[in-house]
PDB file of all heavy atoms in Angstrom:
ATOM      1  N   VAL A   1     -57.925-142.792 -95.867  1.00  0.00           N
ATOM      2  CA  VAL A   1     -56.566-143.062 -96.211  1.00  0.00           C
ATOM      3  C   VAL A   1     -56.213-142.436 -97.564  1.00  0.00           C
ATOM      4  O   VAL A   1     -55.114-142.624 -98.105  1.00  0.00           O
ATOM      5  CB  VAL A   1     -56.228-144.572 -96.284  1.00  0.00           C
ATOM      6  CG1 VAL A   1     -56.350-145.185 -94.853  1.00  0.00           C
ATOM      7  CG2 VAL A   1     -57.173-145.308 -97.229  1.00  0.00           C
ATOM      8  N   TYR A   2     -57.210-141.724 -98.146  1.00  0.00           N
ATOM      9  CA  TYR A   2     -56.993-141.171 -99.502  1.00  0.00           C
ATOM     10  C   TYR A   2     -55.782-140.237 -99.562  1.00  0.00           C
ATOM     11  O   TYR A   2     -54.927-140.411-100.463  1.00  0.00           O
ATOM     12  CB  TYR A   2     -58.238-140.377 -99.897  1.00  0.00           C
ATOM     13  CG  TYR A   2     -58.163-139.754-101.275  1.00  0.00           C
ATOM     14  CD1 TYR A   2     -58.392-140.506-102.429  1.00  0.00           C
ATOM     15  CD2 TYR A   2     -57.813-138.396-101.423  1.00  0.00           C
ATOM     16  CE1 TYR A   2     -58.329-139.941-103.686  1.00  0.00           C
ATOM     17  CE2 TYR A   2     -57.731-137.823-102.692  1.00  0.00           C
ATOM     18  CZ  TYR A   2     -57.999-138.601-103.822  1.00  0.00           C
ATOM     19  OH  TYR A   2     -57.896-138.000-105.059  1.00  0.00           O
ATOM     20  N   ASP A   3     -55.654-139.328 -98.625  1.00  0.00           N
ATOM     21  CA  ASP A   3     -54.525-138.367 -98.669  1.00  0.00           C
ATOM     22  C   ASP A   3     -53.201-139.124 -98.440  1.00  0.00           C
ATOM     23  O   ASP A   3     -52.174-138.703 -99.012  1.00  0.00           O
ATOM     24  CB  ASP A   3     -54.684-137.302 -97.608  1.00  0.00           C
ATOM     25  CG  ASP A   3     -55.688-136.231 -98.063  1.00  0.00           C
ATOM     26  OD1 ASP A   3     -55.991-136.136 -99.250  1.00  0.00           O
ATOM     27  OD2 ASP A   3     -56.194-135.484 -97.199  1.00  0.00           O
ATOM     28  N   THR A   4     -53.194-140.190 -97.668  1.00  0.00           N
ATOM     29  CA  THR A   4     -51.974-140.948 -97.448  1.00  0.00           C
ATOM     30  C   THR A   4     -51.467-141.548 -98.739  1.00  0.00           C
ATOM     31  O   THR A   4     -50.292-141.450 -99.104  1.00  0.00           O
ATOM     32  CB  THR A   4     -52.231-142.075 -96.437  1.00  0.00           C
ATOM     33  OG1 THR A   4     -52.613-141.514 -95.150  1.00  0.00           O
ATOM     34  CG2 THR A   4     -50.967-142.926 -96.227  1.00  0.00           C
ATOM     35  N   PHE A   5     -52.328-142.155 -99.480  1.00  0.00           N
ATOM     36  CA  PHE A   5     -51.934-142.866-100.710  1.00  0.00           C
ATOM     37  C   PHE A   5     -51.802-141.895-101.904  1.00  0.00           C
ATOM     38  O   PHE A   5     -51.220-142.254-102.925  1.00  0.00           O
ATOM     39  CB  PHE A   5     -52.919-143.938-101.060  1.00  0.00           C
ATOM     40  CG  PHE A   5     -52.842-145.119-100.076  1.00  0.00           C
ATOM     41  CD1 PHE A   5     -53.949-145.559 -99.442  1.00  0.00           C
ATOM     42  CD2 PHE A   5     -51.634-145.767 -99.852  1.00  0.00           C
ATOM     43  CE1 PHE A   5     -53.903-146.638 -98.548  1.00  0.00           C
ATOM     44  CE2 PHE A   5     -51.555-146.868 -98.967  1.00  0.00           C
ATOM     45  CZ  PHE A   5     -52.695-147.257 -98.309  1.00  0.00           C
ATOM     46  N   MET A   6     -52.272-140.641-101.742  1.00  0.00           N
ATOM     47  CA  MET A   6     -52.103-139.650-102.819  1.00  0.00           C
ATOM     48  C   MET A   6     -51.019-138.647-102.463  1.00  0.00           C
ATOM     49  O   MET A   6     -50.947-137.573-103.114  1.00  0.00           O
ATOM     50  CB  MET A   6     -53.437-138.893-102.998  1.00  0.00           C
ATOM     51  CG  MET A   6     -54.522-139.758-103.665  1.00  0.00           C
ATOM     52  SD  MET A   6     -54.177-140.086-105.437  1.00  0.00           S
ATOM     53  CE  MET A   6     -54.494-138.443-106.123  1.00  0.00           C
ATOM     54  N   ASP A   7     -50.165-138.967-101.547  1.00  0.00           N
ATOM     55  CA  ASP A   7     -49.128-137.974-101.093  1.00  0.00           C
ATOM     56  C   ASP A   7     -48.070-137.728-102.144  1.00  0.00           C
ATOM     57  O   ASP A   7     -47.289-136.806-102.049  1.00  0.00           O
ATOM     58  CB  ASP A   7     -48.493-138.390 -99.756  1.00  0.00           C
ATOM     59  CG  ASP A   7     -47.780-139.760 -99.847  1.00  0.00           C
ATOM     60  OD1 ASP A   7     -47.753-140.370-100.906  1.00  0.00           O
ATOM     61  OD2 ASP A   7     -47.238-140.183 -98.777  1.00  0.00           O
ATOM     62  N   ASN A   8     -48.002-138.535-103.184  1.00  0.00           N
ATOM     63  CA  ASN A   8     -47.073-138.312-104.294  1.00  0.00           C
ATOM     64  C   ASN A   8     -47.724-137.612-105.486  1.00  0.00           C
ATOM     65  O   ASN A   8     -47.096-137.410-106.524  1.00  0.00           O
ATOM     66  CB  ASN A   8     -46.418-139.608-104.724  1.00  0.00           C
ATOM     67  CG  ASN A   8     -47.436-140.603-105.260  1.00  0.00           C
ATOM     68  OD1 ASN A   8     -48.645-140.429-105.047  1.00  0.00           O
ATOM     69  ND2 ASN A   8     -46.976-141.671-105.925  1.00  0.00           N
ATOM     70  N   ALA A   9     -49.026-137.292-105.391  1.00  0.00           N
ATOM     71  CA  ALA A   9     -49.709-136.577-106.468  1.00  0.00           C
ATOM     72  C   ALA A   9     -49.227-135.163-106.590  1.00  0.00           C
ATOM     73  O   ALA A   9     -49.017-134.512-105.566  1.00  0.00           O
ATOM     74  CB  ALA A   9     -51.194-136.607-106.268  1.00  0.00           C
ATOM     75  N   PRO A  10     -48.985-134.649-107.769  1.00  0.00           N
ATOM     76  CA  PRO A  10     -48.437-133.303-107.979  1.00  0.00           C
ATOM     77  C   PRO A  10     -49.477-132.207-107.798  1.00  0.00           C
ATOM     78  O   PRO A  10     -49.726-131.396-108.707  1.00  0.00           O
ATOM     79  CB  PRO A  10     -47.826-133.384-109.383  1.00  0.00           C
ATOM     80  CG  PRO A  10     -48.806-134.300-110.103  1.00  0.00           C
ATOM     81  CD  PRO A  10     -49.178-135.371-109.078  1.00  0.00           C
ATOM     82  N   TYR A  11     -50.083-132.132-106.638  1.00  0.00           N
ATOM     83  CA  TYR A  11     -51.109-131.145-106.401  1.00  0.00           C
ATOM     84  C   TYR A  11     -50.646-129.711-106.643  1.00  0.00           C
ATOM     85  O   TYR A  11     -51.350-128.897-107.250  1.00  0.00           O
ATOM     86  CB  TYR A  11     -51.655-131.278-104.945  1.00  0.00           C
ATOM     87  CG  TYR A  11     -52.522-132.477-104.704  1.00  0.00           C
ATOM     88  CD1 TYR A  11     -52.157-133.434-103.801  1.00  0.00           C
ATOM     89  CD2 TYR A  11     -53.723-132.638-105.381  1.00  0.00           C
ATOM     90  CE1 TYR A  11     -52.946-134.538-103.536  1.00  0.00           C
ATOM     91  CE2 TYR A  11     -54.526-133.711-105.144  1.00  0.00           C
ATOM     92  CZ  TYR A  11     -54.123-134.681-104.222  1.00  0.00           C
ATOM     93  OH  TYR A  11     -54.935-135.764-103.970  1.00  0.00           O
ATOM     94  N   ALA A  12     -49.456-129.392-106.170  1.00  0.00           N
ATOM     95  CA  ALA A  12     -48.921-128.036-106.330  1.00  0.00           C
ATOM     96  C   ALA A  12     -48.776-127.685-107.803  1.00  0.00           C
ATOM     97  O   ALA A  12     -49.123-126.560-108.236  1.00  0.00           O
ATOM     98  CB  ALA A  12     -47.594-127.890-105.603  1.00  0.00           C
ATOM     99  N   LYS A  13     -48.294-128.659-108.606  1.00  0.00           N
ATOM    100  CA  LYS A  13     -48.134-128.466-110.058  1.00  0.00           C
ATOM    101  C   LYS A  13     -49.533-128.232-110.707  1.00  0.00           C
ATOM    102  O   LYS A  13     -49.683-127.371-111.564  1.00  0.00           O
ATOM    103  CB  LYS A  13     -47.436-129.675-110.661  1.00  0.00           C
ATOM    104  CG  LYS A  13     -47.219-129.580-112.151  1.00  0.00           C
ATOM    105  CD  LYS A  13     -46.559-130.846-112.687  1.00  0.00           C
ATOM    106  CE  LYS A  13     -46.390-130.767-114.203  1.00  0.00           C
ATOM    107  NZ  LYS A  13     -45.732-131.986-114.725  1.00  0.00           N
ATOM    108  N   TRP A  14     -50.509-129.067-110.317  1.00  0.00           N
ATOM    109  CA  TRP A  14     -51.829-128.883-110.858  1.00  0.00           C
ATOM    110  C   TRP A  14     -52.373-127.489-110.533  1.00  0.00           C
ATOM    111  O   TRP A  14     -52.967-126.802-111.387  1.00  0.00           O
ATOM    112  CB  TRP A  14     -52.780-129.951-110.295  1.00  0.00           C
ATOM    113  CG  TRP A  14     -52.415-131.341-110.716  1.00  0.00           C
ATOM    114  CD1 TRP A  14     -51.660-131.710-111.759  1.00  0.00           C
ATOM    115  CD2 TRP A  14     -52.885-132.556-110.108  1.00  0.00           C
ATOM    116  NE1 TRP A  14     -51.545-133.087-111.854  1.00  0.00           N
ATOM    117  CE2 TRP A  14     -52.259-133.631-110.838  1.00  0.00           C
ATOM    118  CE3 TRP A  14     -53.663-132.852-109.037  1.00  0.00           C
ATOM    119  CZ2 TRP A  14     -52.516-134.972-110.501  1.00  0.00           C
ATOM    120  CZ3 TRP A  14     -53.913-134.199-108.729  1.00  0.00           C
ATOM    121  CH2 TRP A  14     -53.340-135.211-109.443  1.00  0.00           C
ATOM    122  N   ALA A  15     -52.211-127.073-109.245  1.00  0.00           N
ATOM    123  CA  ALA A  15     -52.757-125.802-108.861  1.00  0.00           C
ATOM    124  C   ALA A  15     -52.042-124.645-109.506  1.00  0.00           C
ATOM    125  O   ALA A  15     -52.689-123.642-109.883  1.00  0.00           O
ATOM    126  CB  ALA A  15     -52.620-125.632-107.297  1.00  0.00           C
ATOM    127  N   ASP A  16     -50.749-124.788-109.733  1.00  0.00           N
ATOM    128  CA  ASP A  16     -50.004-123.764-110.490  1.00  0.00           C
ATOM    129  C   ASP A  16     -50.517-123.631-111.903  1.00  0.00           C
ATOM    130  O   ASP A  16     -50.656-122.516-112.403  1.00  0.00           O
ATOM    131  CB  ASP A  16     -48.524-124.089-110.469  1.00  0.00           C
ATOM    132  CG  ASP A  16     -47.851-123.848-109.167  1.00  0.00           C
ATOM    133  OD1 ASP A  16     -48.430-123.163-108.285  1.00  0.00           O
ATOM    134  OD2 ASP A  16     -46.717-124.350-108.934  1.00  0.00           O
ATOM    135  N   PHE A  17     -50.814-124.760-112.544  1.00  0.00           N
ATOM    136  CA  PHE A  17     -51.318-124.720-113.921  1.00  0.00           C
ATOM    137  C   PHE A  17     -52.656-124.019-113.940  1.00  0.00           C
ATOM    138  O   PHE A  17     -52.928-123.145-114.772  1.00  0.00           O
ATOM    139  CB  PHE A  17     -51.450-126.109-114.488  1.00  0.00           C
ATOM    140  CG  PHE A  17     -52.236-126.128-115.784  1.00  0.00           C
ATOM    141  CD1 PHE A  17     -51.682-125.729-116.964  1.00  0.00           C
ATOM    142  CD2 PHE A  17     -53.565-126.548-115.767  1.00  0.00           C
ATOM    143  CE1 PHE A  17     -52.438-125.694-118.135  1.00  0.00           C
ATOM    144  CE2 PHE A  17     -54.328-126.549-116.950  1.00  0.00           C
ATOM    145  CZ  PHE A  17     -53.738-126.144-118.145  1.00  0.00           C
ATOM    146  N   LEU A  18     -53.566-124.452-113.013  1.00  0.00           N
ATOM    147  CA  LEU A  18     -54.893-123.879-113.008  1.00  0.00           C
ATOM    148  C   LEU A  18     -54.858-122.340-112.766  1.00  0.00           C
ATOM    149  O   LEU A  18     -55.498-121.564-113.486  1.00  0.00           O
ATOM    150  CB  LEU A  18     -55.752-124.543-111.937  1.00  0.00           C
ATOM    151  CG  LEU A  18     -56.054-126.016-112.162  1.00  0.00           C
ATOM    152  CD1 LEU A  18     -56.732-126.605-110.896  1.00  0.00           C
ATOM    153  CD2 LEU A  18     -56.917-126.237-113.414  1.00  0.00           C
ATOM    154  N   ALA A  19     -54.093-121.948-111.718  1.00  0.00           N
ATOM    155  CA  ALA A  19     -54.020-120.520-111.427  1.00  0.00           C
ATOM    156  C   ALA A  19     -53.332-119.772-112.523  1.00  0.00           C
ATOM    157  O   ALA A  19     -53.779-118.650-112.891  1.00  0.00           O
ATOM    158  CB  ALA A  19     -53.220-120.318-110.102  1.00  0.00           C
ATOM    159  N   GLY A  20     -52.332-120.337-113.141  1.00  0.00           N
ATOM    160  CA  GLY A  20     -51.662-119.673-114.220  1.00  0.00           C
ATOM    161  C   GLY A  20     -52.577-119.475-115.436  1.00  0.00           C
ATOM    162  O   GLY A  20     -52.546-118.378-116.083  1.00  0.00           O
ATOM    163  N   ARG A  21     -53.369-120.424-115.715  1.00  0.00           N
ATOM    164  CA  ARG A  21     -54.306-120.358-116.855  1.00  0.00           C
ATOM    165  C   ARG A  21     -55.388-119.361-116.542  1.00  0.00           C
ATOM    166  O   ARG A  21     -55.794-118.543-117.410  1.00  0.00           O
ATOM    167  CB  ARG A  21     -54.873-121.713-117.131  1.00  0.00           C
ATOM    168  CG  ARG A  21     -55.700-121.725-118.427  1.00  0.00           C
ATOM    169  CD  ARG A  21     -54.783-121.483-119.628  1.00  0.00           C
ATOM    170  NE  ARG A  21     -55.580-121.192-120.798  1.00  0.00           N
ATOM    171  CZ  ARG A  21     -55.278-121.710-122.007  1.00  0.00           C
ATOM    172  NH1 ARG A  21     -54.194-122.440-122.181  1.00  0.00           N
ATOM    173  NH2 ARG A  21     -55.977-121.362-123.107  1.00  0.00           N
ATOM    174  N   LEU A  22     -55.929-119.400-115.297  1.00  0.00           N
ATOM    175  CA  LEU A  22     -56.957-118.436-114.911  1.00  0.00           C
ATOM    176  C   LEU A  22     -56.428-116.988-115.036  1.00  0.00           C
ATOM    177  O   LEU A  22     -57.117-116.137-115.597  1.00  0.00           O
ATOM    178  CB  LEU A  22     -57.401-118.698-113.488  1.00  0.00           C
ATOM    179  CG  LEU A  22     -58.198-119.950-113.255  1.00  0.00           C
ATOM    180  CD1 LEU A  22     -58.432-120.167-111.746  1.00  0.00           C
ATOM    181  CD2 LEU A  22     -59.528-119.925-113.978  1.00  0.00           C
ATOM    182  N   LYS A  23     -55.220-116.758-114.577  1.00  0.00           N
ATOM    183  CA  LYS A  23     -54.657-115.395-114.602  1.00  0.00           C
ATOM    184  C   LYS A  23     -54.387-114.975-116.038  1.00  0.00           C
ATOM    185  O   LYS A  23     -54.548-113.821-116.436  1.00  0.00           O
ATOM    186  CB  LYS A  23     -53.396-115.343-113.749  1.00  0.00           C
ATOM    187  CG  LYS A  23     -53.697-115.438-112.257  1.00  0.00           C
ATOM    188  CD  LYS A  23     -52.466-115.503-111.439  1.00  0.00           C
ATOM    189  CE  LYS A  23     -52.825-115.595-109.923  1.00  0.00           C
ATOM    190  NZ  LYS A  23     -51.614-115.712-109.074  1.00  0.00           N
ATOM    191  N   LYS A  24     -53.964-115.928-116.872  1.00  0.00           N
ATOM    192  CA  LYS A  24     -53.742-115.644-118.326  1.00  0.00           C
ATOM    193  C   LYS A  24     -55.000-115.163-118.970  1.00  0.00           C
ATOM    194  O   LYS A  24     -55.000-114.333-119.860  1.00  0.00           O
ATOM    195  CB  LYS A  24     -53.214-116.881-118.981  1.00  0.00           C
ATOM    196  CG  LYS A  24     -52.940-116.698-120.490  1.00  0.00           C
ATOM    197  CD  LYS A  24     -52.420-117.994-121.104  1.00  0.00           C
ATOM    198  CE  LYS A  24     -52.176-117.783-122.601  1.00  0.00           C
ATOM    199  NZ  LYS A  24     -51.685-119.064-123.243  1.00  0.00           N
ATOM    200  N   GLU A  25     -56.123-115.706-118.477  1.00  0.00           N
ATOM    201  CA  GLU A  25     -57.449-115.320-119.053  1.00  0.00           C
ATOM    202  C   GLU A  25     -58.069-114.148-118.291  1.00  0.00           C
ATOM    203  O   GLU A  25     -59.255-113.810-118.514  1.00  0.00           O
ATOM    204  CB  GLU A  25     -58.387-116.536-118.989  1.00  0.00           C
ATOM    205  CG  GLU A  25     -57.901-117.754-119.738  1.00  0.00           C
ATOM    206  CD  GLU A  25     -57.840-117.524-121.263  1.00  0.00           C
ATOM    207  OE1 GLU A  25     -58.565-116.658-121.748  1.00  0.00           O
ATOM    208  OE2 GLU A  25     -57.071-118.261-121.900  1.00  0.00           O
ATOM    209  N   GLY A  26     -57.297-113.487-117.421  1.00  0.00           N
ATOM    210  CA  GLY A  26     -57.762-112.347-116.752  1.00  0.00           C
ATOM    211  C   GLY A  26     -58.538-112.574-115.455  1.00  0.00           C
ATOM    212  O   GLY A  26     -59.113-111.625-114.907  1.00  0.00           O
ATOM    213  N   ILE A  27     -58.543-113.803-114.960  1.00  0.00           N
ATOM    214  CA  ILE A  27     -59.243-114.164-113.761  1.00  0.00           C
ATOM    215  C   ILE A  27     -58.208-114.281-112.634  1.00  0.00           C
ATOM    216  O   ILE A  27     -57.590-115.298-112.478  1.00  0.00           O
ATOM    217  CB  ILE A  27     -60.034-115.442-113.924  1.00  0.00           C
ATOM    218  CG1 ILE A  27     -61.037-115.333-115.078  1.00  0.00           C
ATOM    219  CG2 ILE A  27     -60.790-115.798-112.621  1.00  0.00           C
ATOM    220  CD1 ILE A  27     -61.759-116.611-115.432  1.00  0.00           C
ATOM    221  N   ARG A  28     -58.017-113.176-111.919  1.00  0.00           N
ATOM    222  CA  ARG A  28     -57.019-113.160-110.850  1.00  0.00           C
ATOM    223  C   ARG A  28     -57.575-113.257-109.471  1.00  0.00           C
ATOM    224  O   ARG A  28     -56.812-113.424-108.501  1.00  0.00           O
ATOM    225  CB  ARG A  28     -56.194-111.856-111.004  1.00  0.00           C
ATOM    226  CG  ARG A  28     -55.492-111.711-112.334  1.00  0.00           C
ATOM    227  CD  ARG A  28     -54.625-110.450-112.432  1.00  0.00           C
ATOM    228  NE  ARG A  28     -53.889-110.433-113.697  1.00  0.00           N
ATOM    229  CZ  ARG A  28     -52.677-111.045-113.824  1.00  0.00           C
ATOM    230  NH1 ARG A  28     -52.143-111.665-112.802  1.00  0.00           N
ATOM    231  NH2 ARG A  28     -52.063-110.991-114.988  1.00  0.00           N
ATOM    232  N   ASP A  29     -58.850-113.182-109.321  1.00  0.00           N
ATOM    233  CA  ASP A  29     -59.510-113.283-108.056  1.00  0.00           C
ATOM    234  C   ASP A  29     -60.998-113.627-108.280  1.00  0.00           C
ATOM    235  O   ASP A  29     -61.392-113.905-109.399  1.00  0.00           O
ATOM    236  CB  ASP A  29     -59.378-112.001-107.218  1.00  0.00           C
ATOM    237  CG  ASP A  29     -59.865-110.788-107.987  1.00  0.00           C
ATOM    238  OD1 ASP A  29     -60.641-110.922-108.937  1.00  0.00           O
ATOM    239  OD2 ASP A  29     -59.451-109.640-107.599  1.00  0.00           O
ATOM    240  N   GLY A  30     -61.788-113.583-107.216  1.00  0.00           N
ATOM    241  CA  GLY A  30     -63.214-113.847-107.351  1.00  0.00           C
ATOM    242  C   GLY A  30     -63.544-115.268-107.022  1.00  0.00           C
ATOM    243  O   GLY A  30     -62.722-116.108-106.671  1.00  0.00           O
ATOM    244  N   LEU A  31     -64.853-115.622-107.218  1.00  0.00           N
ATOM    245  CA  LEU A  31     -65.341-116.948-106.903  1.00  0.00           C
ATOM    246  C   LEU A  31     -64.961-117.962-107.902  1.00  0.00           C
ATOM    247  O   LEU A  31     -65.083-117.761-109.113  1.00  0.00           O
ATOM    248  CB  LEU A  31     -66.883-116.896-106.810  1.00  0.00           C
ATOM    249  CG  LEU A  31     -67.531-116.370-105.503  1.00  0.00           C
ATOM    250  CD1 LEU A  31     -69.037-116.225-105.693  1.00  0.00           C
ATOM    251  CD2 LEU A  31     -67.195-117.302-104.354  1.00  0.00           C
ATOM    252  N   VAL A  32     -64.437-119.110-107.422  1.00  0.00           N
ATOM    253  CA  VAL A  32     -64.099-120.231-108.281  1.00  0.00           C
ATOM    254  C   VAL A  32     -64.632-121.508-107.647  1.00  0.00           C
ATOM    255  O   VAL A  32     -64.493-121.709-106.416  1.00  0.00           O
ATOM    256  CB  VAL A  32     -62.535-120.368-108.436  1.00  0.00           C
ATOM    257  CG1 VAL A  32     -62.169-121.652-109.183  1.00  0.00           C
ATOM    258  CG2 VAL A  32     -61.980-119.127-109.142  1.00  0.00           C
ATOM    259  N   LEU A  33     -65.270-122.321-108.424  1.00  0.00           N
ATOM    260  CA  LEU A  33     -65.841-123.597-107.967  1.00  0.00           C
ATOM    261  C   LEU A  33     -64.883-124.723-108.288  1.00  0.00           C
ATOM    262  O   LEU A  33     -64.435-124.883-109.436  1.00  0.00           O
ATOM    263  CB  LEU A  33     -67.179-123.846-108.645  1.00  0.00           C
ATOM    264  CG  LEU A  33     -67.781-125.248-108.484  1.00  0.00           C
ATOM    265  CD1 LEU A  33     -68.125-125.524-107.038  1.00  0.00           C
ATOM    266  CD2 LEU A  33     -69.015-125.392-109.374  1.00  0.00           C
ATOM    267  N   ASP A  34     -64.554-125.559-107.286  1.00  0.00           N
ATOM    268  CA  ASP A  34     -63.805-126.784-107.481  1.00  0.00           C
ATOM    269  C   ASP A  34     -64.820-127.925-107.429  1.00  0.00           C
ATOM    270  O   ASP A  34     -65.360-128.294-106.396  1.00  0.00           O
ATOM    271  CB  ASP A  34     -62.759-126.952-106.379  1.00  0.00           C
ATOM    272  CG  ASP A  34     -61.844-128.155-106.613  1.00  0.00           C
ATOM    273  OD1 ASP A  34     -62.037-128.838-107.621  1.00  0.00           O
ATOM    274  OD2 ASP A  34     -60.952-128.369-105.761  1.00  0.00           O
ATOM    275  N   LEU A  35     -65.092-128.486-108.599  1.00  0.00           N
ATOM    276  CA  LEU A  35     -66.127-129.542-108.772  1.00  0.00           C
ATOM    277  C   LEU A  35     -65.462-130.913-108.594  1.00  0.00           C
ATOM    278  O   LEU A  35     -64.507-131.228-109.311  1.00  0.00           O
ATOM    279  CB  LEU A  35     -66.734-129.408-110.141  1.00  0.00           C
ATOM    280  CG  LEU A  35     -68.120-130.032-110.414  1.00  0.00           C
ATOM    281  CD1 LEU A  35     -69.163-129.548-109.472  1.00  0.00           C
ATOM    282  CD2 LEU A  35     -68.533-129.759-111.860  1.00  0.00           C
ATOM    283  N   GLY A  36     -65.988-131.701-107.663  1.00  0.00           N
ATOM    284  CA  GLY A  36     -65.360-132.983-107.330  1.00  0.00           C
ATOM    285  C   GLY A  36     -64.096-132.716-106.553  1.00  0.00           C
ATOM    286  O   GLY A  36     -63.001-133.263-106.809  1.00  0.00           O
ATOM    287  N   CYS A  37     -64.221-131.913-105.490  1.00  0.00           N
ATOM    288  CA  CYS A  37     -63.047-131.372-104.764  1.00  0.00           C
ATOM    289  C   CYS A  37     -62.369-132.394-103.863  1.00  0.00           C
ATOM    290  O   CYS A  37     -61.264-132.205-103.406  1.00  0.00           O
ATOM    291  CB  CYS A  37     -63.445-130.140-103.925  1.00  0.00           C
ATOM    292  SG  CYS A  37     -64.633-130.504-102.597  1.00  0.00           S
ATOM    293  N   GLY A  38     -63.036-133.528-103.548  1.00  0.00           N
ATOM    294  CA  GLY A  38     -62.457-134.494-102.673  1.00  0.00           C
ATOM    295  C   GLY A  38     -62.115-133.988-101.313  1.00  0.00           C
ATOM    296  O   GLY A  38     -62.918-133.331-100.672  1.00  0.00           O
TER     297      GLY A  38
END
């Protein structure tokens, strides 16, 4: 039921921040580890 109760979590906003920061640091592709990915 985790995804049901987390349906209001701003996942897209979090992913946008992470990707934006990665790209700002020159990491536009390649291997990325999601630790504690749920």
